[in-house]
């Protein structure tokens, strides 16, 4: 399956980070759906067929791990992102079943590579 066939939800409350991620993913052939908070992500996740999601740990109106769990239950691949250096968050994401954990700042190239690996596009 090509990148163009994959829809990725980007759950991020920082508008600049959201713009940067969605631009990079769109330029790499993914279709992006933005969600600025946990509630929006849960609503969109129920309405759309999502291949994968990039979910910030810290979100307004909801919790990144709760969003990740709901998306994982709908068979989406989930990559968690955070600025935190707390190793417990990485462990929690892995235990939940997330396929990736990325610390900010990161490059667009790295995130695209993580998504391709999660979606078995290597």
N, C-alpha and C. Protein backbone atom coordinates (compact mmCIF):
# COMPACT_ATOMS: atom_id res chain seq x y z
N UNK A 1 0.85 -1.18 0.00
CA UNK A 1 0.00 0.00 0.00
C UNK A 1 0.90 1.24 0.00
N UNK A 2 0.60 2.22 -0.81
CA UNK A 2 1.43 3.43 -0.88
C UNK A 2 1.04 4.41 0.20
N UNK A 3 1.92 5.41 0.41
CA UNK A 3 1.63 6.44 1.40
C UNK A 3 0.31 7.13 1.11
N UNK A 4 -0.02 7.33 -0.16
CA UNK A 4 -1.23 8.06 -0.54
C UNK A 4 -2.48 7.37 -0.03
N UNK A 5 -2.40 6.09 0.24
CA UNK A 5 -3.56 5.34 0.71
C UNK A 5 -3.74 5.46 2.23
N UNK A 6 -2.81 6.07 2.92
CA UNK A 6 -2.84 6.12 4.38
C UNK A 6 -3.30 7.48 4.89
N UNK A 7 -4.27 7.43 5.80
CA UNK A 7 -4.74 8.63 6.47
C UNK A 7 -4.16 8.63 7.88
N UNK A 8 -3.54 9.75 8.23
CA UNK A 8 -2.88 9.89 9.53
C UNK A 8 -3.52 11.04 10.29
N UNK A 9 -4.00 10.75 11.49
CA UNK A 9 -4.51 11.81 12.35
C UNK A 9 -3.33 12.36 13.16
N UNK A 10 -3.24 13.69 13.20
CA UNK A 10 -2.20 14.35 13.98
C UNK A 10 -2.91 15.04 15.14
N UNK A 11 -2.64 14.57 16.35
CA UNK A 11 -3.29 15.09 17.55
C UNK A 11 -2.25 15.91 18.31
N UNK A 12 -2.35 17.22 18.17
CA UNK A 12 -1.34 18.13 18.71
C UNK A 12 -1.99 19.48 18.98
N UNK A 13 -1.78 20.02 20.18
CA UNK A 13 -2.41 21.28 20.54
C UNK A 13 -1.58 22.51 20.18
N UNK A 14 -0.31 22.35 19.91
CA UNK A 14 0.54 23.47 19.53
C UNK A 14 0.39 23.69 18.01
N UNK A 15 -0.16 24.84 17.65
CA UNK A 15 -0.48 25.12 16.24
C UNK A 15 0.76 25.06 15.34
N UNK A 16 1.89 25.55 15.81
CA UNK A 16 3.11 25.52 15.01
C UNK A 16 3.60 24.10 14.77
N UNK A 17 3.57 23.29 15.82
CA UNK A 17 4.00 21.90 15.70
C UNK A 17 3.03 21.15 14.78
N UNK A 18 1.72 21.41 14.97
CA UNK A 18 0.70 20.78 14.11
C UNK A 18 0.96 21.11 12.64
N UNK A 19 1.19 22.38 12.35
CA UNK A 19 1.44 22.81 10.97
C UNK A 19 2.66 22.11 10.40
N UNK A 20 3.73 22.08 11.16
CA UNK A 20 4.98 21.47 10.70
C UNK A 20 4.79 19.98 10.41
N UNK A 21 4.16 19.28 11.33
CA UNK A 21 3.95 17.84 11.13
C UNK A 21 3.05 17.57 9.93
N UNK A 22 1.92 18.26 9.86
CA UNK A 22 0.99 17.99 8.76
C UNK A 22 1.59 18.35 7.41
N UNK A 23 2.33 19.43 7.34
CA UNK A 23 2.99 19.79 6.08
C UNK A 23 3.97 18.72 5.64
N UNK A 24 4.77 18.24 6.58
CA UNK A 24 5.78 17.23 6.25
C UNK A 24 5.11 15.91 5.81
N UNK A 25 4.08 15.53 6.54
CA UNK A 25 3.39 14.28 6.18
C UNK A 25 2.63 14.40 4.86
N UNK A 26 1.97 15.53 4.65
CA UNK A 26 1.29 15.77 3.37
C UNK A 26 2.29 15.74 2.22
N UNK A 27 3.44 16.38 2.41
CA UNK A 27 4.47 16.40 1.37
C UNK A 27 5.06 15.02 1.12
N UNK A 28 4.89 14.11 2.08
CA UNK A 28 5.38 12.74 1.92
C UNK A 28 4.29 11.80 1.39
N UNK A 29 3.13 12.36 1.05
CA UNK A 29 2.08 11.58 0.43
C UNK A 29 0.99 11.07 1.35
N UNK A 30 1.09 11.34 2.65
CA UNK A 30 0.04 10.93 3.57
C UNK A 30 -1.09 11.94 3.54
N UNK A 31 -2.30 11.49 3.86
CA UNK A 31 -3.44 12.40 4.06
C UNK A 31 -3.53 12.65 5.55
N UNK A 32 -3.51 13.90 5.96
CA UNK A 32 -3.53 14.24 7.38
C UNK A 32 -4.88 14.81 7.80
N UNK A 33 -5.28 14.41 8.99
CA UNK A 33 -6.46 14.95 9.63
C UNK A 33 -5.98 15.56 10.94
N UNK A 34 -6.11 16.87 11.10
CA UNK A 34 -5.67 17.49 12.36
C UNK A 34 -6.72 17.37 13.45
N UNK A 35 -6.26 17.21 14.68
CA UNK A 35 -7.13 17.22 15.85
C UNK A 35 -6.37 17.98 16.95
N UNK A 36 -6.89 19.14 17.37
CA UNK A 36 -6.15 19.98 18.31
C UNK A 36 -6.28 19.58 19.78
N UNK A 37 -7.13 18.60 20.08
CA UNK A 37 -7.30 18.19 21.47
C UNK A 37 -7.81 16.75 21.52
N UNK A 38 -7.85 16.21 22.72
CA UNK A 38 -8.24 14.82 22.88
C UNK A 38 -9.67 14.54 22.47
N UNK A 39 -10.59 15.43 22.80
CA UNK A 39 -12.00 15.22 22.45
C UNK A 39 -12.19 15.18 20.94
N UNK A 40 -11.59 16.14 20.23
CA UNK A 40 -11.67 16.16 18.77
C UNK A 40 -11.11 14.88 18.17
N UNK A 41 -10.01 14.41 18.73
CA UNK A 41 -9.39 13.18 18.23
C UNK A 41 -10.31 11.99 18.40
N UNK A 42 -10.97 11.90 19.54
CA UNK A 42 -11.88 10.78 19.78
C UNK A 42 -13.07 10.82 18.83
N UNK A 43 -13.61 12.02 18.60
CA UNK A 43 -14.75 12.16 17.69
C UNK A 43 -14.34 11.80 16.26
N UNK A 44 -13.23 12.36 15.80
CA UNK A 44 -12.77 12.08 14.44
C UNK A 44 -12.40 10.61 14.29
N UNK A 45 -11.78 10.04 15.31
CA UNK A 45 -11.38 8.64 15.26
C UNK A 45 -12.56 7.69 15.09
N UNK A 46 -13.71 8.08 15.62
CA UNK A 46 -14.93 7.26 15.47
C UNK A 46 -15.56 7.43 14.09
N UNK A 47 -15.32 8.58 13.47
CA UNK A 47 -15.97 8.90 12.20
C UNK A 47 -15.15 8.54 10.97
N UNK A 48 -13.85 8.45 11.11
CA UNK A 48 -12.98 8.26 9.95
C UNK A 48 -12.18 6.98 10.08
N UNK A 49 -11.76 6.44 8.96
CA UNK A 49 -10.89 5.28 8.93
C UNK A 49 -9.45 5.79 8.97
N UNK A 50 -8.82 5.64 10.10
CA UNK A 50 -7.48 6.16 10.32
C UNK A 50 -6.48 5.00 10.24
N UNK A 51 -5.45 5.15 9.42
CA UNK A 51 -4.40 4.13 9.36
C UNK A 51 -3.45 4.25 10.53
N UNK A 52 -3.15 5.51 10.89
CA UNK A 52 -2.20 5.76 11.97
C UNK A 52 -2.49 7.12 12.59
N UNK A 53 -1.90 7.32 13.75
CA UNK A 53 -2.05 8.61 14.42
C UNK A 53 -0.74 8.97 15.10
N UNK A 54 -0.46 10.25 15.09
CA UNK A 54 0.65 10.83 15.84
C UNK A 54 -0.03 11.60 16.96
N UNK A 55 0.17 11.17 18.21
CA UNK A 55 -0.58 11.71 19.34
C UNK A 55 0.36 12.29 20.38
N UNK A 56 0.16 13.56 20.70
CA UNK A 56 0.92 14.21 21.76
C UNK A 56 0.46 13.65 23.11
N UNK A 57 1.39 13.44 24.01
CA UNK A 57 1.06 12.92 25.34
C UNK A 57 0.20 13.92 26.10
N UNK A 58 0.60 15.19 26.08
CA UNK A 58 -0.11 16.23 26.84
C UNK A 58 -1.06 16.99 25.94
N UNK A 59 -2.35 16.83 26.22
CA UNK A 59 -3.38 17.46 25.39
C UNK A 59 -4.40 18.19 26.26
N UNK A 60 -4.96 19.26 25.73
CA UNK A 60 -6.11 19.83 26.41
C UNK A 60 -7.35 18.98 26.09
N UNK A 61 -8.32 19.05 26.93
CA UNK A 61 -9.58 18.33 26.73
C UNK A 61 -9.32 16.86 26.42
N UNK A 62 -8.72 16.19 27.34
CA UNK A 62 -8.45 14.77 27.15
C UNK A 62 -7.02 14.43 27.48
N UNK A 63 -6.70 13.18 27.35
CA UNK A 63 -5.39 12.66 27.69
C UNK A 63 -4.84 11.90 26.49
N UNK A 64 -3.58 12.15 26.16
CA UNK A 64 -2.98 11.49 25.01
C UNK A 64 -3.02 9.97 25.08
N UNK A 65 -2.85 9.41 26.27
CA UNK A 65 -2.87 7.96 26.40
C UNK A 65 -4.29 7.41 26.23
N UNK A 66 -5.29 8.15 26.67
CA UNK A 66 -6.68 7.71 26.45
C UNK A 66 -7.02 7.74 24.96
N UNK A 67 -6.57 8.78 24.28
CA UNK A 67 -6.78 8.88 22.83
C UNK A 67 -6.06 7.72 22.13
N UNK A 68 -4.81 7.48 22.52
CA UNK A 68 -4.04 6.39 21.91
C UNK A 68 -4.75 5.05 22.10
N UNK A 69 -5.25 4.79 23.30
CA UNK A 69 -5.93 3.53 23.56
C UNK A 69 -7.16 3.37 22.67
N UNK A 70 -7.95 4.43 22.53
CA UNK A 70 -9.15 4.36 21.68
C UNK A 70 -8.78 4.11 20.23
N UNK A 71 -7.72 4.76 19.75
CA UNK A 71 -7.30 4.57 18.36
C UNK A 71 -6.71 3.19 18.14
N UNK A 72 -5.97 2.69 19.11
CA UNK A 72 -5.44 1.33 19.01
C UNK A 72 -6.57 0.31 18.95
N UNK A 73 -7.63 0.55 19.69
CA UNK A 73 -8.78 -0.36 19.67
C UNK A 73 -9.49 -0.34 18.32
N UNK A 74 -9.31 0.75 17.56
CA UNK A 74 -9.90 0.81 16.21
C UNK A 74 -8.89 0.35 15.15
N UNK A 75 -7.81 -0.28 15.60
CA UNK A 75 -6.78 -0.86 14.74
C UNK A 75 -5.89 0.15 14.03
N UNK A 76 -5.81 1.36 14.53
CA UNK A 76 -4.86 2.34 14.00
C UNK A 76 -3.51 2.13 14.68
N UNK A 77 -2.45 2.38 13.95
CA UNK A 77 -1.12 2.39 14.55
C UNK A 77 -0.93 3.75 15.22
N UNK A 78 -0.28 3.77 16.38
CA UNK A 78 -0.14 5.02 17.13
C UNK A 78 1.32 5.27 17.47
N UNK A 79 1.76 6.49 17.17
CA UNK A 79 3.07 6.97 17.58
C UNK A 79 2.83 8.12 18.55
N UNK A 80 3.35 7.99 19.76
CA UNK A 80 3.21 9.05 20.77
C UNK A 80 4.38 10.02 20.61
N UNK A 81 4.09 11.31 20.82
CA UNK A 81 5.14 12.33 20.80
C UNK A 81 5.05 13.15 22.08
N UNK A 82 6.18 13.64 22.54
CA UNK A 82 6.20 14.46 23.75
C UNK A 82 7.51 15.23 23.84
N UNK A 83 7.46 16.33 24.57
CA UNK A 83 8.67 17.09 24.88
C UNK A 83 9.28 16.59 26.19
N UNK A 84 8.54 15.77 26.92
CA UNK A 84 8.99 15.27 28.21
C UNK A 84 10.14 14.28 28.03
N UNK A 85 11.03 14.27 28.99
CA UNK A 85 12.14 13.31 29.00
C UNK A 85 11.89 12.19 30.02
N UNK A 86 10.69 12.10 30.53
CA UNK A 86 10.34 11.10 31.54
C UNK A 86 10.30 9.72 30.90
N UNK A 87 11.20 8.80 31.30
CA UNK A 87 11.24 7.47 30.68
C UNK A 87 9.99 6.63 30.97
N UNK A 88 9.24 6.98 31.99
CA UNK A 88 8.01 6.26 32.32
C UNK A 88 7.00 6.39 31.18
N UNK A 89 6.99 7.53 30.50
CA UNK A 89 6.04 7.74 29.41
C UNK A 89 6.32 6.79 28.25
N UNK A 90 7.57 6.58 27.93
CA UNK A 90 7.95 5.64 26.86
C UNK A 90 7.49 4.22 27.22
N UNK A 91 7.72 3.84 28.46
CA UNK A 91 7.31 2.51 28.92
C UNK A 91 5.79 2.37 28.87
N UNK A 92 5.09 3.39 29.31
CA UNK A 92 3.62 3.35 29.29
C UNK A 92 3.09 3.22 27.86
N UNK A 93 3.70 3.96 26.93
CA UNK A 93 3.29 3.88 25.53
C UNK A 93 3.51 2.47 24.97
N UNK A 94 4.64 1.89 25.29
CA UNK A 94 4.95 0.54 24.81
C UNK A 94 3.97 -0.47 25.41
N UNK A 95 3.68 -0.35 26.70
CA UNK A 95 2.74 -1.27 27.35
C UNK A 95 1.34 -1.15 26.76
N UNK A 96 0.98 0.04 26.33
CA UNK A 96 -0.33 0.27 25.74
C UNK A 96 -0.44 -0.37 24.35
N UNK A 97 0.71 -0.49 23.68
CA UNK A 97 0.72 -1.09 22.35
C UNK A 97 1.06 -0.11 21.24
N UNK A 98 1.52 1.08 21.62
CA UNK A 98 1.94 2.07 20.62
C UNK A 98 3.16 1.54 19.88
N UNK A 99 3.24 1.83 18.60
CA UNK A 99 4.34 1.31 17.79
C UNK A 99 5.54 2.24 17.78
N UNK A 100 5.39 3.43 18.35
CA UNK A 100 6.51 4.36 18.38
C UNK A 100 6.35 5.40 19.47
N UNK A 101 7.47 5.97 19.84
CA UNK A 101 7.52 7.02 20.85
C UNK A 101 8.62 7.98 20.42
N UNK A 102 8.27 9.23 20.18
CA UNK A 102 9.22 10.21 19.64
C UNK A 102 9.27 11.41 20.56
N UNK A 103 10.48 11.80 20.91
CA UNK A 103 10.65 12.99 21.76
C UNK A 103 10.89 14.22 20.90
N UNK A 104 10.25 15.31 21.28
CA UNK A 104 10.45 16.60 20.62
C UNK A 104 11.76 17.19 21.14
N UNK A 105 12.50 17.90 20.34
CA UNK A 105 12.27 18.13 18.91
C UNK A 105 12.71 16.92 18.09
N UNK A 106 12.09 16.73 16.96
CA UNK A 106 12.43 15.63 16.06
C UNK A 106 12.37 16.17 14.64
N UNK A 107 12.96 15.43 13.72
CA UNK A 107 12.92 15.86 12.32
C UNK A 107 11.73 15.23 11.61
N UNK A 108 11.28 15.89 10.59
CA UNK A 108 10.20 15.34 9.77
C UNK A 108 10.61 14.03 9.14
N UNK A 109 11.85 13.93 8.73
CA UNK A 109 12.36 12.70 8.12
C UNK A 109 12.25 11.53 9.09
N UNK A 110 12.59 11.78 10.35
CA UNK A 110 12.51 10.73 11.37
C UNK A 110 11.06 10.30 11.58
N UNK A 111 10.13 11.26 11.66
CA UNK A 111 8.73 10.92 11.88
C UNK A 111 8.15 10.15 10.70
N UNK A 112 8.47 10.56 9.49
CA UNK A 112 8.01 9.83 8.30
C UNK A 112 8.55 8.40 8.32
N UNK A 113 9.81 8.23 8.68
CA UNK A 113 10.39 6.89 8.76
C UNK A 113 9.68 6.04 9.80
N UNK A 114 9.33 6.64 10.94
CA UNK A 114 8.60 5.92 11.98
C UNK A 114 7.23 5.47 11.47
N UNK A 115 6.53 6.37 10.76
CA UNK A 115 5.22 6.03 10.21
C UNK A 115 5.32 4.91 9.16
N UNK A 116 6.30 5.01 8.29
CA UNK A 116 6.47 3.97 7.27
C UNK A 116 6.75 2.62 7.91
N UNK A 117 7.55 2.62 8.95
CA UNK A 117 7.85 1.37 9.66
C UNK A 117 6.58 0.85 10.32
N UNK A 118 5.81 1.71 10.97
CA UNK A 118 4.58 1.29 11.65
C UNK A 118 3.56 0.72 10.67
N UNK A 119 3.53 1.28 9.48
CA UNK A 119 2.56 0.87 8.47
C UNK A 119 3.12 -0.19 7.52
N UNK A 120 4.30 -0.71 7.85
CA UNK A 120 4.96 -1.76 7.07
C UNK A 120 5.16 -1.35 5.63
N UNK A 121 5.70 -0.14 5.46
CA UNK A 121 5.92 0.41 4.12
C UNK A 121 7.39 0.40 3.73
N UNK A 122 8.21 -0.27 4.50
CA UNK A 122 9.66 -0.30 4.21
C UNK A 122 9.97 -1.05 2.95
